[in-house]
Amino acid sequence: MKRKNNILTREQWLQNAVAAMEPWFKAKGYNVPRVRVSCGWPSSRGMSAKRYVIGEAWDKSASSDKVAQLFISPRLKNEVEPSGVLSTLVHEVVHATVGNKEGHNKVFGKCARSVGLEGKLTQTHAGEELTGQMKSWMKILKEYPHANLNPNKRPVKKQTTRLIKCLCRDCGYNVRVTQKWIAEGTPLCPCNGQPMAAELPEGLDE
């Protein structure tokens, strides 16, 4: 759905970009499957200062409706730069087309080279032919409705040491200790000598 001012969301723009590149893939002998695309931080090394990830493809097997989901880093803005939004999207669409099980092997490489990606398969960029094609796509897509984000200015700084709250359910006495010591066992309450309960953040196990 378009907004009232008829400006597309980033996701709509990215979906339109996939639709624009489908004939290009088909001409090279590949059919692009149904995918969902979002602007979002990759699950690993998305905000790293060095060797950061700018795109990520989640296989259809990871989705409850069996539709592959692709993510383009908020770092990116320039649409036709060799390593910009569109070339990164092409790389992720290749993953969705051949399947994540192929990784960056020869099957992936054959498709990537066919559609115009060059360079190391884990860090491809658009070649001259693909760059020309991306320029033609931009005549339809217009400007990507996004302002690139600087991960160094993220609102929440990375916590170097996480302290876990341990609580006595009887008297309310509580202390905080690191995850390292929780693995050895929770502290004993001084009032009754019983192990205290650790209030672990979501995703951590005792």
N, C-alpha and C. Protein backbone atom coordinates (compact mmCIF):
# COMPACT_ATOMS: atom_id res chain seq x y z
N MET A 1 0.84 -1.20 0.00
CA MET A 1 0.00 0.00 0.00
C MET A 1 0.87 1.25 0.00
N LYS A 2 0.58 2.21 -0.85
CA LYS A 2 1.34 3.43 -0.90
C LYS A 2 0.88 4.39 0.19
N ARG A 3 1.78 5.22 0.64
CA ARG A 3 1.43 6.25 1.59
C ARG A 3 0.65 7.34 0.87
N LYS A 4 0.03 8.24 1.63
CA LYS A 4 -0.83 9.26 1.04
C LYS A 4 -0.10 10.16 0.07
N ASN A 5 1.20 10.40 0.32
CA ASN A 5 1.96 11.26 -0.59
C ASN A 5 2.54 10.48 -1.77
N ASN A 6 2.10 9.22 -1.90
CA ASN A 6 2.50 8.36 -3.01
C ASN A 6 3.98 8.00 -3.01
N ILE A 7 4.65 8.21 -1.90
CA ILE A 7 6.05 7.80 -1.78
C ILE A 7 6.09 6.35 -1.31
N LEU A 8 6.83 5.53 -2.01
CA LEU A 8 6.92 4.13 -1.65
C LEU A 8 7.74 3.95 -0.37
N THR A 9 7.43 2.90 0.36
CA THR A 9 8.29 2.53 1.48
C THR A 9 9.54 1.87 0.92
N ARG A 10 10.55 1.69 1.76
CA ARG A 10 11.78 1.03 1.31
C ARG A 10 11.48 -0.39 0.85
N GLU A 11 10.62 -1.09 1.60
CA GLU A 11 10.30 -2.47 1.25
C GLU A 11 9.60 -2.56 -0.10
N GLN A 12 8.69 -1.62 -0.36
CA GLN A 12 8.01 -1.61 -1.66
C GLN A 12 8.99 -1.36 -2.79
N TRP A 13 9.92 -0.43 -2.55
CA TRP A 13 10.93 -0.12 -3.57
C TRP A 13 11.78 -1.35 -3.84
N LEU A 14 12.21 -2.03 -2.80
CA LEU A 14 13.04 -3.22 -2.95
C LEU A 14 12.29 -4.34 -3.65
N GLN A 15 11.00 -4.51 -3.33
CA GLN A 15 10.20 -5.52 -4.02
C GLN A 15 10.05 -5.17 -5.49
N ASN A 16 9.87 -3.89 -5.79
CA ASN A 16 9.78 -3.46 -7.18
C ASN A 16 11.11 -3.72 -7.91
N ALA A 17 12.20 -3.56 -7.19
CA ALA A 17 13.52 -3.81 -7.78
C ALA A 17 13.68 -5.28 -8.15
N VAL A 18 13.20 -6.17 -7.28
CA VAL A 18 13.25 -7.60 -7.59
C VAL A 18 12.42 -7.89 -8.84
N ALA A 19 11.23 -7.29 -8.92
CA ALA A 19 10.37 -7.49 -10.09
C ALA A 19 11.06 -6.98 -11.36
N ALA A 20 11.79 -5.87 -11.25
CA ALA A 20 12.48 -5.29 -12.41
C ALA A 20 13.60 -6.19 -12.90
N MET A 21 14.24 -6.90 -11.98
CA MET A 21 15.37 -7.74 -12.38
C MET A 21 14.98 -9.16 -12.79
N GLU A 22 13.74 -9.54 -12.57
CA GLU A 22 13.30 -10.89 -12.93
C GLU A 22 13.51 -11.21 -14.42
N PRO A 23 13.16 -10.29 -15.36
CA PRO A 23 13.41 -10.60 -16.78
C PRO A 23 14.89 -10.77 -17.09
N TRP A 24 15.74 -10.02 -16.37
CA TRP A 24 17.19 -10.13 -16.56
C TRP A 24 17.67 -11.52 -16.16
N PHE A 25 17.19 -12.01 -15.03
CA PHE A 25 17.55 -13.36 -14.59
C PHE A 25 17.01 -14.40 -15.56
N LYS A 26 15.77 -14.20 -16.01
CA LYS A 26 15.14 -15.16 -16.93
C LYS A 26 15.90 -15.26 -18.24
N ALA A 27 16.37 -14.12 -18.73
CA ALA A 27 17.14 -14.10 -19.97
C ALA A 27 18.45 -14.87 -19.84
N LYS A 28 18.94 -14.99 -18.60
CA LYS A 28 20.17 -15.71 -18.34
C LYS A 28 19.90 -17.18 -17.98
N GLY A 29 18.61 -17.57 -18.00
CA GLY A 29 18.27 -18.97 -17.74
C GLY A 29 17.85 -19.28 -16.32
N TYR A 30 17.50 -18.25 -15.53
CA TYR A 30 17.13 -18.47 -14.14
C TYR A 30 15.79 -17.83 -13.81
N ASN A 31 14.99 -18.55 -13.06
CA ASN A 31 13.69 -18.04 -12.63
C ASN A 31 13.79 -17.61 -11.16
N VAL A 32 13.49 -16.37 -10.90
CA VAL A 32 13.54 -15.84 -9.54
C VAL A 32 12.30 -16.32 -8.77
N PRO A 33 12.48 -16.95 -7.63
CA PRO A 33 11.33 -17.40 -6.84
C PRO A 33 10.68 -16.22 -6.11
N ARG A 34 9.58 -16.47 -5.50
CA ARG A 34 8.95 -15.44 -4.69
C ARG A 34 9.83 -15.13 -3.48
N VAL A 35 10.05 -13.86 -3.22
CA VAL A 35 10.87 -13.46 -2.07
C VAL A 35 10.23 -12.26 -1.39
N ARG A 36 10.62 -12.05 -0.14
CA ARG A 36 10.28 -10.82 0.57
C ARG A 36 11.59 -10.09 0.84
N VAL A 37 11.58 -8.78 0.67
CA VAL A 37 12.80 -8.01 0.87
C VAL A 37 12.55 -6.88 1.86
N SER A 38 13.49 -6.69 2.77
CA SER A 38 13.39 -5.62 3.75
C SER A 38 14.74 -4.92 3.89
N CYS A 39 14.69 -3.70 4.36
CA CYS A 39 15.88 -2.97 4.74
C CYS A 39 16.09 -3.27 6.22
N GLY A 40 17.18 -3.96 6.56
CA GLY A 40 17.41 -4.33 7.95
C GLY A 40 18.83 -4.80 8.16
N TRP A 41 19.28 -4.73 9.42
CA TRP A 41 20.64 -5.16 9.74
C TRP A 41 20.78 -6.66 9.62
N PRO A 42 21.79 -7.15 8.93
CA PRO A 42 22.05 -8.59 8.87
C PRO A 42 22.26 -9.15 10.28
N SER A 43 21.96 -10.41 10.47
CA SER A 43 22.00 -11.03 11.81
C SER A 43 23.41 -11.16 12.37
N SER A 44 24.41 -11.12 11.50
CA SER A 44 25.79 -11.27 11.95
C SER A 44 26.68 -10.23 11.27
N ARG A 45 27.50 -9.54 12.05
CA ARG A 45 28.47 -8.56 11.56
C ARG A 45 27.85 -7.42 10.76
N GLY A 46 26.58 -7.17 11.00
CA GLY A 46 25.92 -6.08 10.29
C GLY A 46 26.44 -4.71 10.69
N MET A 47 26.83 -4.57 11.96
CA MET A 47 27.30 -3.28 12.46
C MET A 47 28.80 -3.26 12.73
N SER A 48 29.51 -4.26 12.28
CA SER A 48 30.95 -4.32 12.51
C SER A 48 31.66 -3.16 11.83
N ALA A 49 32.76 -2.74 12.43
CA ALA A 49 33.54 -1.64 11.85
C ALA A 49 34.32 -2.12 10.62
N LYS A 50 34.75 -3.39 10.65
CA LYS A 50 35.50 -3.96 9.54
C LYS A 50 34.85 -5.26 9.08
N ARG A 51 34.99 -5.56 7.81
CA ARG A 51 34.46 -6.80 7.24
C ARG A 51 32.98 -6.99 7.59
N TYR A 52 32.22 -5.92 7.42
CA TYR A 52 30.81 -5.99 7.76
C TYR A 52 29.98 -6.57 6.61
N VAL A 53 28.83 -7.09 6.97
CA VAL A 53 27.91 -7.71 6.01
C VAL A 53 26.91 -6.67 5.54
N ILE A 54 26.65 -6.60 4.22
CA ILE A 54 25.73 -5.60 3.69
C ILE A 54 24.44 -6.20 3.14
N GLY A 55 24.33 -7.51 3.16
CA GLY A 55 23.11 -8.16 2.70
C GLY A 55 23.02 -9.56 3.26
N GLU A 56 21.81 -10.07 3.36
CA GLU A 56 21.65 -11.42 3.91
C GLU A 56 20.40 -12.07 3.33
N ALA A 57 20.53 -13.34 2.98
CA ALA A 57 19.40 -14.10 2.45
C ALA A 57 19.06 -15.22 3.41
N TRP A 58 17.80 -15.27 3.80
CA TRP A 58 17.29 -16.36 4.64
C TRP A 58 16.54 -17.34 3.73
N ASP A 59 16.92 -18.59 3.80
CA ASP A 59 16.33 -19.60 2.93
C ASP A 59 14.84 -19.78 3.22
N LYS A 60 14.11 -20.20 2.22
CA LYS A 60 12.67 -20.41 2.38
C LYS A 60 12.35 -21.43 3.47
N SER A 61 13.29 -22.33 3.75
CA SER A 61 13.05 -23.33 4.79
C SER A 61 12.98 -22.70 6.18
N ALA A 62 13.50 -21.49 6.33
CA ALA A 62 13.48 -20.80 7.62
C ALA A 62 12.18 -20.04 7.84
N SER A 63 11.40 -19.88 6.79
CA SER A 63 10.16 -19.11 6.87
C SER A 63 8.95 -20.02 7.00
N SER A 64 8.00 -19.62 7.83
CA SER A 64 6.81 -20.45 8.06
C SER A 64 5.97 -20.63 6.81
N ASP A 65 6.05 -19.67 5.86
CA ASP A 65 5.28 -19.81 4.62
C ASP A 65 6.15 -20.20 3.44
N LYS A 66 7.39 -20.60 3.73
CA LYS A 66 8.32 -21.10 2.70
C LYS A 66 8.63 -20.06 1.62
N VAL A 67 8.70 -18.80 2.02
CA VAL A 67 9.11 -17.73 1.11
C VAL A 67 10.44 -17.18 1.61
N ALA A 68 11.45 -17.18 0.77
CA ALA A 68 12.77 -16.68 1.16
C ALA A 68 12.67 -15.20 1.54
N GLN A 69 13.46 -14.81 2.53
CA GLN A 69 13.44 -13.42 2.98
C GLN A 69 14.85 -12.84 2.88
N LEU A 70 14.93 -11.66 2.26
CA LEU A 70 16.20 -11.01 2.00
C LEU A 70 16.28 -9.69 2.76
N PHE A 71 17.49 -9.35 3.21
CA PHE A 71 17.69 -8.11 3.96
C PHE A 71 18.86 -7.32 3.36
N ILE A 72 18.62 -6.04 3.17
CA ILE A 72 19.64 -5.13 2.65
C ILE A 72 20.02 -4.16 3.77
N SER A 73 21.31 -4.05 4.03
CA SER A 73 21.80 -3.24 5.15
C SER A 73 21.39 -1.78 5.04
N PRO A 74 20.99 -1.17 6.16
CA PRO A 74 20.69 0.26 6.19
C PRO A 74 21.91 1.13 5.93
N ARG A 75 23.11 0.53 5.91
CA ARG A 75 24.32 1.28 5.57
C ARG A 75 24.24 1.82 4.14
N LEU A 76 23.56 1.08 3.27
CA LEU A 76 23.63 1.35 1.84
C LEU A 76 22.60 2.36 1.38
N LYS A 77 23.02 3.19 0.45
CA LYS A 77 22.11 4.17 -0.14
C LYS A 77 22.25 4.20 -1.66
N ASN A 78 23.47 4.39 -2.17
CA ASN A 78 23.66 4.56 -3.60
C ASN A 78 23.15 3.35 -4.37
N GLU A 79 22.23 3.60 -5.30
CA GLU A 79 21.54 2.51 -5.97
C GLU A 79 22.39 1.79 -7.02
N VAL A 80 23.17 2.51 -7.81
CA VAL A 80 23.89 1.87 -8.92
C VAL A 80 25.39 1.77 -8.68
N GLU A 81 25.83 2.06 -7.50
CA GLU A 81 27.24 1.84 -7.16
C GLU A 81 27.54 0.35 -7.31
N PRO A 82 28.73 -0.03 -7.78
CA PRO A 82 29.05 -1.46 -7.98
C PRO A 82 28.79 -2.34 -6.76
N SER A 83 28.92 -1.77 -5.56
CA SER A 83 28.62 -2.55 -4.34
C SER A 83 27.48 -1.89 -3.56
N GLY A 84 26.58 -1.23 -4.26
CA GLY A 84 25.49 -0.53 -3.63
C GLY A 84 24.24 -1.37 -3.46
N VAL A 85 23.11 -0.71 -3.32
CA VAL A 85 21.84 -1.37 -3.02
C VAL A 85 21.46 -2.42 -4.06
N LEU A 86 21.44 -2.03 -5.33
CA LEU A 86 20.95 -2.95 -6.36
C LEU A 86 21.88 -4.14 -6.58
N SER A 87 23.18 -3.91 -6.60
CA SER A 87 24.09 -5.04 -6.80
C SER A 87 24.06 -5.99 -5.60
N THR A 88 23.88 -5.43 -4.40
CA THR A 88 23.75 -6.27 -3.21
C THR A 88 22.46 -7.07 -3.28
N LEU A 89 21.40 -6.44 -3.74
CA LEU A 89 20.12 -7.14 -3.89
C LEU A 89 20.24 -8.25 -4.93
N VAL A 90 20.93 -8.00 -6.02
CA VAL A 90 21.14 -9.05 -7.03
C VAL A 90 21.85 -10.24 -6.40
N HIS A 91 22.87 -9.98 -5.59
CA HIS A 91 23.61 -11.05 -4.92
C HIS A 91 22.68 -11.89 -4.05
N GLU A 92 21.81 -11.23 -3.28
CA GLU A 92 20.90 -11.96 -2.39
C GLU A 92 19.82 -12.70 -3.18
N VAL A 93 19.40 -12.13 -4.30
CA VAL A 93 18.42 -12.82 -5.15
C VAL A 93 19.05 -14.07 -5.76
N VAL A 94 20.33 -14.03 -6.06
CA VAL A 94 21.02 -15.23 -6.54
C VAL A 94 20.94 -16.32 -5.48
N HIS A 95 21.18 -15.96 -4.22
CA HIS A 95 21.07 -16.95 -3.13
C HIS A 95 19.67 -17.57 -3.11
N ALA A 96 18.66 -16.72 -3.21
CA ALA A 96 17.28 -17.22 -3.18
C ALA A 96 16.97 -18.09 -4.38
N THR A 97 17.58 -17.76 -5.52
CA THR A 97 17.31 -18.49 -6.76
C THR A 97 17.94 -19.89 -6.75
N VAL A 98 19.18 -19.99 -6.30
CA VAL A 98 19.85 -21.30 -6.32
C VAL A 98 19.69 -22.06 -5.00
N GLY A 99 19.26 -21.34 -3.95
CA GLY A 99 19.07 -21.99 -2.65
C GLY A 99 20.27 -21.76 -1.74
N ASN A 100 20.00 -21.46 -0.49
CA ASN A 100 21.08 -21.19 0.46
C ASN A 100 22.01 -22.38 0.67
N LYS A 101 21.50 -23.55 0.39
CA LYS A 101 22.33 -24.76 0.59
C LYS A 101 23.57 -24.73 -0.28
N GLU A 102 23.54 -23.95 -1.36
CA GLU A 102 24.68 -23.88 -2.27
C GLU A 102 25.78 -22.95 -1.75
N GLY A 103 25.45 -22.14 -0.74
CA GLY A 103 26.45 -21.21 -0.21
C GLY A 103 26.99 -20.33 -1.30
N HIS A 104 28.32 -20.24 -1.39
CA HIS A 104 28.97 -19.49 -2.46
C HIS A 104 29.78 -20.45 -3.35
N ASN A 105 29.21 -21.62 -3.60
CA ASN A 105 29.92 -22.63 -4.39
C ASN A 105 29.80 -22.38 -5.90
N LYS A 106 30.12 -23.40 -6.68
CA LYS A 106 30.10 -23.25 -8.14
C LYS A 106 28.70 -23.00 -8.69
N VAL A 107 27.70 -23.59 -8.06
CA VAL A 107 26.31 -23.39 -8.52
C VAL A 107 25.93 -21.91 -8.33
N PHE A 108 26.25 -21.38 -7.15
CA PHE A 108 26.01 -19.96 -6.90
C PHE A 108 26.82 -19.12 -7.87
N GLY A 109 28.10 -19.49 -8.03
CA GLY A 109 29.00 -18.73 -8.89
C GLY A 109 28.53 -18.67 -10.33
N LYS A 110 28.01 -19.77 -10.83
CA LYS A 110 27.55 -19.80 -12.22
C LYS A 110 26.41 -18.82 -12.43
N CYS A 111 25.46 -18.80 -11.49
CA CYS A 111 24.33 -17.88 -11.59
C CYS A 111 24.80 -16.44 -11.42
N ALA A 112 25.66 -16.21 -10.41
CA ALA A 112 26.15 -14.86 -10.14
C ALA A 112 26.88 -14.28 -11.35
N ARG A 113 27.74 -15.08 -11.96
CA ARG A 113 28.49 -14.60 -13.13
C ARG A 113 27.55 -14.36 -14.31
N SER A 114 26.54 -15.21 -14.43
CA SER A 114 25.60 -15.08 -15.56
C SER A 114 24.85 -13.75 -15.50
N VAL A 115 24.49 -13.32 -14.29
CA VAL A 115 23.71 -12.08 -14.17
C VAL A 115 24.59 -10.84 -14.02
N GLY A 116 25.92 -11.03 -14.10
CA GLY A 116 26.80 -9.86 -14.16
C GLY A 116 27.53 -9.48 -12.89
N LEU A 117 27.53 -10.35 -11.89
CA LEU A 117 28.29 -10.06 -10.68
C LEU A 117 29.74 -10.49 -10.87
N GLU A 118 30.66 -9.69 -10.40
CA GLU A 118 32.08 -9.97 -10.54
C GLU A 118 32.76 -9.93 -9.18
N GLY A 119 34.04 -10.34 -9.15
CA GLY A 119 34.82 -10.31 -7.93
C GLY A 119 34.67 -11.60 -7.13
N LYS A 120 35.22 -11.57 -5.92
CA LYS A 120 35.14 -12.72 -5.02
C LYS A 120 33.68 -13.05 -4.75
N LEU A 121 33.33 -14.33 -4.80
CA LEU A 121 31.92 -14.71 -4.69
C LEU A 121 31.28 -14.32 -3.36
N THR A 122 32.07 -14.19 -2.32
CA THR A 122 31.52 -13.77 -1.03
C THR A 122 31.41 -12.25 -0.93
N GLN A 123 32.02 -11.53 -1.87
CA GLN A 123 31.99 -10.07 -1.86
C GLN A 123 31.89 -9.55 -3.29
N THR A 124 30.82 -9.88 -3.94
CA THR A 124 30.67 -9.52 -5.35
C THR A 124 30.37 -8.03 -5.54
N HIS A 125 30.57 -7.60 -6.76
CA HIS A 125 30.19 -6.25 -7.17
C HIS A 125 29.67 -6.33 -8.60
N ALA A 126 28.94 -5.33 -9.00
CA ALA A 126 28.37 -5.32 -10.35
C ALA A 126 29.44 -5.03 -11.38
N GLY A 127 29.46 -5.84 -12.43
CA GLY A 127 30.35 -5.59 -13.55
C GLY A 127 29.76 -4.53 -14.46
N GLU A 128 30.45 -4.23 -15.54
CA GLU A 128 30.01 -3.16 -16.45
C GLU A 128 28.63 -3.44 -17.04
N GLU A 129 28.40 -4.69 -17.48
CA GLU A 129 27.11 -5.03 -18.08
C GLU A 129 25.97 -4.88 -17.08
N LEU A 130 26.16 -5.40 -15.86
CA LEU A 130 25.12 -5.31 -14.84
C LEU A 130 24.90 -3.87 -14.41
N THR A 131 25.96 -3.09 -14.32
CA THR A 131 25.82 -1.69 -13.95
C THR A 131 24.95 -0.94 -14.95
N GLY A 132 25.16 -1.24 -16.23
CA GLY A 132 24.32 -0.64 -17.26
C GLY A 132 22.87 -1.06 -17.11
N GLN A 133 22.66 -2.31 -16.76
CA GLN A 133 21.31 -2.81 -16.56
C GLN A 133 20.67 -2.14 -15.35
N MET A 134 21.43 -1.94 -14.29
CA MET A 134 20.90 -1.30 -13.08
C MET A 134 20.46 0.13 -13.39
N LYS A 135 21.18 0.81 -14.25
CA LYS A 135 20.81 2.17 -14.63
C LYS A 135 19.45 2.18 -15.34
N SER A 136 19.21 1.14 -16.13
CA SER A 136 17.91 1.07 -16.81
C SER A 136 16.80 0.76 -15.81
N TRP A 137 17.10 -0.04 -14.80
CA TRP A 137 16.10 -0.32 -13.76
C TRP A 137 15.75 0.96 -13.00
N MET A 138 16.76 1.81 -12.79
CA MET A 138 16.53 3.03 -12.02
C MET A 138 15.59 4.00 -12.74
N LYS A 139 15.50 3.90 -14.03
CA LYS A 139 14.57 4.76 -14.77
C LYS A 139 13.13 4.43 -14.38
N ILE A 140 12.92 3.19 -13.96
CA ILE A 140 11.58 2.76 -13.52
C ILE A 140 11.43 2.94 -12.02
N LEU A 141 12.46 2.59 -11.30
CA LEU A 141 12.37 2.58 -9.83
C LEU A 141 12.44 3.96 -9.21
N LYS A 142 13.19 4.88 -9.82
CA LYS A 142 13.45 6.20 -9.24
C LYS A 142 14.31 6.04 -7.98
N GLU A 143 14.37 7.07 -7.17
CA GLU A 143 15.29 7.08 -6.03
C GLU A 143 14.85 6.16 -4.90
N TYR A 144 15.80 5.46 -4.35
CA TYR A 144 15.56 4.58 -3.20
C TYR A 144 15.19 5.45 -1.99
N PRO A 145 14.00 5.26 -1.42
CA PRO A 145 13.53 6.14 -0.33
C PRO A 145 14.17 5.79 1.01
N HIS A 146 15.46 6.08 1.11
CA HIS A 146 16.20 5.69 2.31
C HIS A 146 17.37 6.62 2.52
N ALA A 147 17.72 6.86 3.77
CA ALA A 147 18.92 7.60 4.12
C ALA A 147 19.82 6.63 4.87
N ASN A 148 21.04 6.44 4.37
CA ASN A 148 21.90 5.42 4.98
C ASN A 148 22.21 5.75 6.44
N LEU A 149 22.28 4.71 7.26
CA LEU A 149 22.52 4.85 8.69
C LEU A 149 23.98 4.58 9.05
N ASN A 150 24.48 5.35 9.99
CA ASN A 150 25.83 5.16 10.51
C ASN A 150 25.75 4.30 11.76
N PRO A 151 26.21 3.05 11.71
CA PRO A 151 26.09 2.16 12.88
C PRO A 151 26.86 2.64 14.09
N ASN A 152 27.85 3.52 13.89
CA ASN A 152 28.62 4.04 15.02
C ASN A 152 27.78 4.98 15.89
N LYS A 153 26.64 5.40 15.35
CA LYS A 153 25.78 6.31 16.10
C LYS A 153 24.47 5.65 16.52
N ARG A 154 24.50 4.33 16.64
CA ARG A 154 23.32 3.60 17.07
C ARG A 154 22.90 4.06 18.47
N PRO A 155 21.60 4.04 18.77
CA PRO A 155 21.10 4.57 20.04
C PRO A 155 21.51 3.80 21.27
N VAL A 156 21.78 2.51 21.14
CA VAL A 156 22.15 1.69 22.29
C VAL A 156 23.57 1.17 22.08
N LYS A 157 24.47 1.54 22.96
CA LYS A 157 25.84 1.08 22.85
C LYS A 157 25.94 -0.38 23.26
N LYS A 158 26.87 -1.07 22.63
CA LYS A 158 27.09 -2.47 22.94
C LYS A 158 27.55 -2.62 24.38
N GLN A 159 26.91 -3.52 25.11
CA GLN A 159 27.27 -3.77 26.50
C GLN A 159 28.43 -4.76 26.55
N THR A 160 29.52 -4.34 27.20
CA THR A 160 30.70 -5.20 27.23
C THR A 160 30.58 -6.29 28.28
N THR A 161 29.94 -6.00 29.43
CA THR A 161 29.77 -7.00 30.48
C THR A 161 28.31 -7.02 30.90
N ARG A 162 27.67 -8.16 30.76
CA ARG A 162 26.27 -8.28 31.13
C ARG A 162 26.15 -8.87 32.52
N LEU A 163 25.52 -8.12 33.41
CA LEU A 163 25.30 -8.59 34.77
C LEU A 163 23.89 -9.15 34.90
N ILE A 164 23.80 -10.34 35.47
CA ILE A 164 22.53 -11.03 35.61
C ILE A 164 22.01 -10.86 37.04
N LYS A 165 20.76 -10.47 37.14
CA LYS A 165 20.16 -10.29 38.46
C LYS A 165 19.78 -11.64 39.05
N CYS A 166 20.20 -11.88 40.31
CA CYS A 166 19.84 -13.09 41.04
C CYS A 166 19.01 -12.68 42.26
N LEU A 167 17.86 -13.32 42.43
CA LEU A 167 16.89 -12.89 43.42
C LEU A 167 16.46 -14.03 44.33
N CYS A 168 16.34 -13.74 45.62
CA CYS A 168 15.76 -14.69 46.55
C CYS A 168 14.25 -14.49 46.54
N ARG A 169 13.51 -15.53 46.20
CA ARG A 169 12.05 -15.42 46.12
C ARG A 169 11.40 -15.25 47.49
N ASP A 170 12.13 -15.60 48.52
CA ASP A 170 11.54 -15.53 49.87
C ASP A 170 11.67 -14.14 50.49
N CYS A 171 12.90 -13.59 50.50
CA CYS A 171 13.11 -12.32 51.19
C CYS A 171 13.32 -11.13 50.26
N GLY A 172 13.54 -11.40 48.99
CA GLY A 172 13.75 -10.32 48.04
C GLY A 172 15.18 -9.86 47.89
N TYR A 173 16.08 -10.43 48.65
CA TYR A 173 17.50 -10.08 48.55
C TYR A 173 17.99 -10.36 47.13
N ASN A 174 18.75 -9.43 46.54
CA ASN A 174 19.21 -9.65 45.17
C ASN A 174 20.62 -9.11 44.97
N VAL A 175 21.33 -9.73 44.06
CA VAL A 175 22.67 -9.31 43.65
C VAL A 175 22.78 -9.49 42.14
N ARG A 176 23.81 -8.91 41.56
CA ARG A 176 24.05 -9.08 40.12
C ARG A 176 25.44 -9.68 39.91
N VAL A 177 25.49 -10.69 39.07
CA VAL A 177 26.76 -11.35 38.76
C VAL A 177 26.85 -11.57 37.25
N THR A 178 28.03 -11.89 36.76
CA THR A 178 28.21 -12.09 35.32
C THR A 178 27.72 -13.48 34.91
N GLN A 179 27.45 -13.63 33.61
CA GLN A 179 26.99 -14.89 33.06
C GLN A 179 28.01 -16.01 33.32
N LYS A 180 29.29 -15.66 33.37
CA LYS A 180 30.33 -16.65 33.62
C LYS A 180 30.08 -17.39 34.92
N TRP A 181 29.73 -16.65 35.98
CA TRP A 181 29.55 -17.28 37.29
C TRP A 181 28.19 -17.95 37.42
N ILE A 182 27.20 -17.45 36.66
CA ILE A 182 25.88 -18.11 36.65
C ILE A 182 26.04 -19.55 36.17
N ALA A 183 26.95 -19.74 35.22
CA ALA A 183 27.18 -21.09 34.68
C ALA A 183 27.70 -22.04 35.76
N GLU A 184 28.35 -21.48 36.79
CA GLU A 184 28.88 -22.30 37.89
C GLU A 184 27.84 -22.55 38.96
N GLY A 185 26.76 -21.78 38.92
CA GLY A 185 25.72 -21.89 39.93
C GLY A 185 25.37 -20.54 40.50
N THR A 186 24.10 -20.33 40.84
CA THR A 186 23.69 -19.03 41.37
C THR A 186 24.14 -18.87 42.83
N PRO A 187 24.29 -17.62 43.30
CA PRO A 187 24.70 -17.38 44.68
C PRO A 187 23.66 -17.91 45.68
N LEU A 188 24.09 -18.11 46.91
CA LEU A 188 23.19 -18.54 47.99
C LEU A 188 22.73 -17.31 48.76
N CYS A 189 21.46 -17.29 49.08
CA CYS A 189 20.91 -16.18 49.84
C CYS A 189 21.45 -16.23 51.28
N PRO A 190 21.94 -15.10 51.83
CA PRO A 190 22.48 -15.09 53.19
C PRO A 190 21.43 -15.33 54.27
N CYS A 191 20.15 -15.14 53.93
CA CYS A 191 19.12 -15.31 54.96
C CYS A 191 18.69 -16.76 55.13
N ASN A 192 18.75 -17.56 54.07
CA ASN A 192 18.30 -18.95 54.19
C ASN A 192 19.26 -19.98 53.57
N GLY A 193 20.33 -19.50 52.95
CA GLY A 193 21.32 -20.41 52.39
C GLY A 193 20.88 -21.15 51.14
N GLN A 194 19.75 -20.73 50.53
CA GLN A 194 19.24 -21.39 49.34
C GLN A 194 19.73 -20.70 48.06
N PRO A 195 19.88 -21.47 46.96
CA PRO A 195 20.29 -20.87 45.69
C PRO A 195 19.28 -19.82 45.24
N MET A 196 19.78 -18.71 44.77
CA MET A 196 18.92 -17.63 44.30
C MET A 196 18.52 -17.89 42.84
N ALA A 197 17.41 -17.30 42.42
CA ALA A 197 16.90 -17.46 41.05
C ALA A 197 17.53 -16.41 40.15
N ALA A 198 18.03 -16.87 39.02
CA ALA A 198 18.63 -15.95 38.05
C ALA A 198 17.58 -15.46 37.08
N GLU A 199 17.47 -14.15 36.89
CA GLU A 199 16.54 -13.57 35.93
C GLU A 199 17.30 -13.35 34.63
N LEU A 200 17.33 -14.40 33.83
CA LEU A 200 18.12 -14.36 32.59
C LEU A 200 17.39 -13.59 31.49
N PRO A 201 18.10 -12.75 30.74
CA PRO A 201 17.49 -12.09 29.60
C PRO A 201 17.03 -13.12 28.58
N GLU A 202 16.05 -12.76 27.76
CA GLU A 202 15.54 -13.67 26.75
C GLU A 202 16.67 -14.12 25.83
N GLY A 203 16.74 -15.41 25.58
CA GLY A 203 17.76 -15.95 24.68
C GLY A 203 18.92 -16.57 25.40
N LEU A 204 19.01 -16.36 26.75
CA LEU A 204 20.08 -16.97 27.54
C LEU A 204 19.51 -18.11 28.34
N ASP A 205 20.27 -19.18 28.46
CA ASP A 205 19.83 -20.34 29.22
C ASP A 205 20.67 -20.49 30.46
N GLU A 206 20.06 -21.06 31.51
CA GLU A 206 20.81 -21.32 32.72
C GLU A 206 21.74 -22.50 32.50
